[in-house]
């Protein structure tokens, strides 16, 4: 069964940067969507960024475009790491961030709001002065 293990959350001042990592393992097909979602207290979970594995295709929510970058390592299957580089952080970026995964057998471009079937445990990001 696919496993997702996040790391890299923490506290930072506005304007600062953080990098989240998601180690993805035990997948059986290299054609997948991997992305990051976030959820702040009292709000719905929203898709932030997604990458179509095996390609350079990425997608972002409007709220993070130009500030966040999603990328993937080139490890050998069946594991690799997906990163979320977050720059120019704002207080409204504070949330629990979750790594998410779904298979994508036809390798269609993954959207930031794709529907995952596996979730990581989450990592907290807090942006405040």
C-alpha atoms as a PDB file:
ATOM      1  CA  UNK A   1       0.000   0.000   0.000  1.00  0.00           C
ATOM      2  CA  UNK A   2       1.301   3.457  -0.892  1.00  0.00           C
ATOM      3  CA  UNK A   3       2.906   5.313   2.001  1.00  0.00           C
ATOM      4  CA  UNK A   4       3.357   9.061   2.327  1.00  0.00           C
ATOM      5  CA  UNK A   5       5.609  10.534   5.018  1.00  0.00           C
ATOM      6  CA  UNK A   6       5.840  14.312   5.353  1.00  0.00           C
ATOM      7  CA  UNK A   7       8.482  16.419   7.033  1.00  0.00           C
ATOM      8  CA  UNK A   8       9.670  20.010   7.096  1.00  0.00           C
ATOM      9  CA  UNK A   9       6.889  22.002   8.714  1.00  0.00           C
ATOM     10  CA  UNK A  10       7.498  24.610  11.392  1.00  0.00           C
ATOM     11  CA  UNK A  11       7.158  28.255  12.321  1.00  0.00           C
ATOM     12  CA  UNK A  12       8.443  31.165  10.280  1.00  0.00           C
ATOM     13  CA  UNK A  13       7.987  34.926  10.098  1.00  0.00           C
ATOM     14  CA  UNK A  14       6.049  36.545   7.247  1.00  0.00           C
ATOM     15  CA  UNK A  15       8.195  36.738   4.149  1.00  0.00           C
ATOM     16  CA  UNK A  16      10.184  33.681   5.172  1.00  0.00           C
ATOM     17  CA  UNK A  17      10.566  30.290   3.500  1.00  0.00           C
ATOM     18  CA  UNK A  18      10.010  26.643   4.328  1.00  0.00           C
ATOM     19  CA  UNK A  19      10.455  23.437   2.374  1.00  0.00           C
ATOM     20  CA  UNK A  20       8.165  20.477   2.897  1.00  0.00           C
ATOM     21  CA  UNK A  21       9.130  16.956   1.864  1.00  0.00           C
ATOM     22  CA  UNK A  22       6.927  13.971   1.143  1.00  0.00           C
ATOM     23  CA  UNK A  23       8.532  10.576   0.811  1.00  0.00           C
ATOM     24  CA  UNK A  24       6.312   8.462  -1.442  1.00  0.00           C
ATOM     25  CA  UNK A  25       6.876   4.722  -1.371  1.00  0.00           C
ATOM     26  CA  UNK A  26       5.351   1.361  -2.242  1.00  0.00           C
ATOM     27  CA  UNK A  27       3.564   2.511  -5.362  1.00  0.00           C
ATOM     28  CA  UNK A  28       3.338  -0.036  -8.144  1.00  0.00           C
ATOM     29  CA  UNK A  29       2.821   2.275 -11.129  1.00  0.00           C
ATOM     30  CA  UNK A  30       4.981   5.305 -11.892  1.00  0.00           C
ATOM     31  CA  UNK A  31       2.023   7.239 -13.358  1.00  0.00           C
ATOM     32  CA  UNK A  32       0.603   9.148 -10.414  1.00  0.00           C
ATOM     33  CA  UNK A  33      -0.515  12.527  -9.129  1.00  0.00           C
ATOM     34  CA  UNK A  34       1.250  13.722  -6.004  1.00  0.00           C
ATOM     35  CA  UNK A  35       0.330  16.987  -4.402  1.00  0.00           C
ATOM     36  CA  UNK A  36      -0.045  19.113  -1.331  1.00  0.00           C
ATOM     37  CA  UNK A  37      -3.279  20.149   0.330  1.00  0.00           C
ATOM     38  CA  UNK A  38      -3.739  22.373   3.344  1.00  0.00           C
ATOM     39  CA  UNK A  39      -6.404  22.927   5.941  1.00  0.00           C
ATOM     40  CA  UNK A  40      -6.662  25.782   8.393  1.00  0.00           C
ATOM     41  CA  UNK A  41      -8.943  25.581  11.450  1.00  0.00           C
ATOM     42  CA  UNK A  42     -12.572  26.046  10.475  1.00  0.00           C
ATOM     43  CA  UNK A  43     -11.822  25.931   6.765  1.00  0.00           C
ATOM     44  CA  UNK A  44     -12.139  23.288   4.067  1.00  0.00           C
ATOM     45  CA  UNK A  45      -9.121  21.390   2.851  1.00  0.00           C
ATOM     46  CA  UNK A  46      -7.787  22.942  -0.350  1.00  0.00           C
ATOM     47  CA  UNK A  47      -5.424  21.751  -3.019  1.00  0.00           C
ATOM     48  CA  UNK A  48      -2.254  23.854  -3.143  1.00  0.00           C
ATOM     49  CA  UNK A  49       0.000  22.221  -5.723  1.00  0.00           C
ATOM     50  CA  UNK A  50       0.293  19.016  -7.736  1.00  0.00           C
ATOM     51  CA  UNK A  51       2.823  17.329  -9.963  1.00  0.00           C
ATOM     52  CA  UNK A  52       2.328  14.689 -12.636  1.00  0.00           C
ATOM     53  CA  UNK A  53       5.000  12.134 -11.786  1.00  0.00           C
ATOM     54  CA  UNK A  54       7.445  11.288 -14.551  1.00  0.00           C
ATOM     55  CA  UNK A  55       6.865  14.682 -16.177  1.00  0.00           C
ATOM     56  CA  UNK A  56       7.548  18.328 -15.398  1.00  0.00           C
ATOM     57  CA  UNK A  57       3.854  19.171 -15.373  1.00  0.00           C
ATOM     58  CA  UNK A  58       2.750  21.115 -12.310  1.00  0.00           C
ATOM     59  CA  UNK A  59      -0.335  23.017 -11.221  1.00  0.00           C
ATOM     60  CA  UNK A  60      -0.929  25.513  -8.428  1.00  0.00           C
ATOM     61  CA  UNK A  61      -3.768  27.188  -6.625  1.00  0.00           C
ATOM     62  CA  UNK A  62      -4.066  30.875  -7.521  1.00  0.00           C
ATOM     63  CA  UNK A  63      -3.292  31.838  -3.933  1.00  0.00           C
ATOM     64  CA  UNK A  64       0.225  30.363  -4.076  1.00  0.00           C
ATOM     65  CA  UNK A  65       1.220  30.801  -7.726  1.00  0.00           C
ATOM     66  CA  UNK A  66       4.589  32.517  -7.967  1.00  0.00           C
ATOM     67  CA  UNK A  67       5.437  31.792  -4.327  1.00  0.00           C
ATOM     68  CA  UNK A  68       5.308  27.981  -4.034  1.00  0.00           C
ATOM     69  CA  UNK A  69       7.161  25.445  -6.162  1.00  0.00           C
ATOM     70  CA  UNK A  70       6.508  21.705  -6.302  1.00  0.00           C
ATOM     71  CA  UNK A  71       9.246  19.378  -7.516  1.00  0.00           C
ATOM     72  CA  UNK A  72      10.164  15.708  -7.400  1.00  0.00           C
ATOM     73  CA  UNK A  73      13.366  13.777  -6.879  1.00  0.00           C
ATOM     74  CA  UNK A  74      14.748  11.348  -9.424  1.00  0.00           C
ATOM     75  CA  UNK A  75      15.010   8.360  -7.094  1.00  0.00           C
ATOM     76  CA  UNK A  76      14.340   4.935  -8.481  1.00  0.00           C
ATOM     77  CA  UNK A  77      10.862   3.518  -8.150  1.00  0.00           C
ATOM     78  CA  UNK A  78       9.096   2.412  -6.030  1.00  0.00           C
ATOM     79  CA  UNK A  79       9.980   5.460  -3.960  1.00  0.00           C
ATOM     80  CA  UNK A  80      10.782   9.082  -4.510  1.00  0.00           C
ATOM     81  CA  UNK A  81      10.366  12.410  -2.753  1.00  0.00           C
ATOM     82  CA  UNK A  82       8.118  15.333  -3.643  1.00  0.00           C
ATOM     83  CA  UNK A  83       9.033  18.763  -2.297  1.00  0.00           C
ATOM     84  CA  UNK A  84       7.052  21.924  -1.758  1.00  0.00           C
ATOM     85  CA  UNK A  85       9.250  25.008  -1.607  1.00  0.00           C
ATOM     86  CA  UNK A  86       7.287  27.817  -0.001  1.00  0.00           C
ATOM     87  CA  UNK A  87       8.659  31.353  -0.318  1.00  0.00           C
ATOM     88  CA  UNK A  88       7.275  34.761   0.628  1.00  0.00           C
ATOM     89  CA  UNK A  89       5.080  33.111   3.205  1.00  0.00           C
ATOM     90  CA  UNK A  90       2.052  34.983   4.537  1.00  0.00           C
ATOM     91  CA  UNK A  91       0.080  34.512   7.752  1.00  0.00           C
ATOM     92  CA  UNK A  92      -2.803  33.172   5.654  1.00  0.00           C
ATOM     93  CA  UNK A  93      -0.559  30.289   4.567  1.00  0.00           C
ATOM     94  CA  UNK A  94      -0.701  28.939   8.125  1.00  0.00           C
ATOM     95  CA  UNK A  95      -2.359  25.514   8.070  1.00  0.00           C
ATOM     96  CA  UNK A  96      -1.825  21.802   8.387  1.00  0.00           C
ATOM     97  CA  UNK A  97      -0.260  20.654   5.136  1.00  0.00           C
ATOM     98  CA  UNK A  98      -0.944  17.170   3.792  1.00  0.00           C
ATOM     99  CA  UNK A  99       0.796  15.219   1.100  1.00  0.00           C
ATOM    100  CA  UNK A 100      -1.667  13.417  -1.174  1.00  0.00           C
ATOM    101  CA  UNK A 101      -1.538  10.753  -3.872  1.00  0.00           C
ATOM    102  CA  UNK A 102      -3.653   9.117  -6.533  1.00  0.00           C
ATOM    103  CA  UNK A 103      -2.893   6.922  -9.493  1.00  0.00           C
ATOM    104  CA  UNK A 104      -2.946   8.485 -12.948  1.00  0.00           C
ATOM    105  CA  UNK A 105      -2.664   5.595 -15.391  1.00  0.00           C
ATOM    106  CA  UNK A 106      -3.269   7.718 -18.501  1.00  0.00           C
ATOM    107  CA  UNK A 107      -0.807  10.385 -17.279  1.00  0.00           C
ATOM    108  CA  UNK A 108      -3.278  13.232 -17.650  1.00  0.00           C
ATOM    109  CA  UNK A 109      -2.045  16.573 -16.257  1.00  0.00           C
ATOM    110  CA  UNK A 110      -2.667  16.595 -12.518  1.00  0.00           C
ATOM    111  CA  UNK A 111      -4.593  19.564 -11.130  1.00  0.00           C
ATOM    112  CA  UNK A 112      -3.948  21.054  -7.706  1.00  0.00           C
ATOM    113  CA  UNK A 113      -7.490  20.056  -6.722  1.00  0.00           C
ATOM    114  CA  UNK A 114      -7.216  16.410  -7.757  1.00  0.00           C
ATOM    115  CA  UNK A 115      -9.062  13.807  -5.675  1.00  0.00           C
ATOM    116  CA  UNK A 116      -6.570  11.818  -3.614  1.00  0.00           C
ATOM    117  CA  UNK A 117      -7.003   8.278  -2.422  1.00  0.00           C
ATOM    118  CA  UNK A 118      -4.039   8.339  -0.025  1.00  0.00           C
ATOM    119  CA  UNK A 119      -3.035  10.985   2.509  1.00  0.00           C
ATOM    120  CA  UNK A 120       0.009  11.632   4.646  1.00  0.00           C
ATOM    121  CA  UNK A 121      -0.241  12.395   8.346  1.00  0.00           C
ATOM    122  CA  UNK A 122       0.181  16.145   7.909  1.00  0.00           C
ATOM    123  CA  UNK A 123       2.739  18.702   8.995  1.00  0.00           C
ATOM    124  CA  UNK A 124       1.986  22.067  10.603  1.00  0.00           C
ATOM    125  CA  UNK A 125       3.074  25.340   9.032  1.00  0.00           C
ATOM    126  CA  UNK A 126       2.705  28.518  11.070  1.00  0.00           C
ATOM    127  CA  UNK A 127       3.495  31.961   9.702  1.00  0.00           C
ATOM    128  CA  UNK A 128       3.440  34.747  12.274  1.00  0.00           C
ATOM    129  CA  UNK A 129       5.501  37.608  13.601  1.00  0.00           C
END
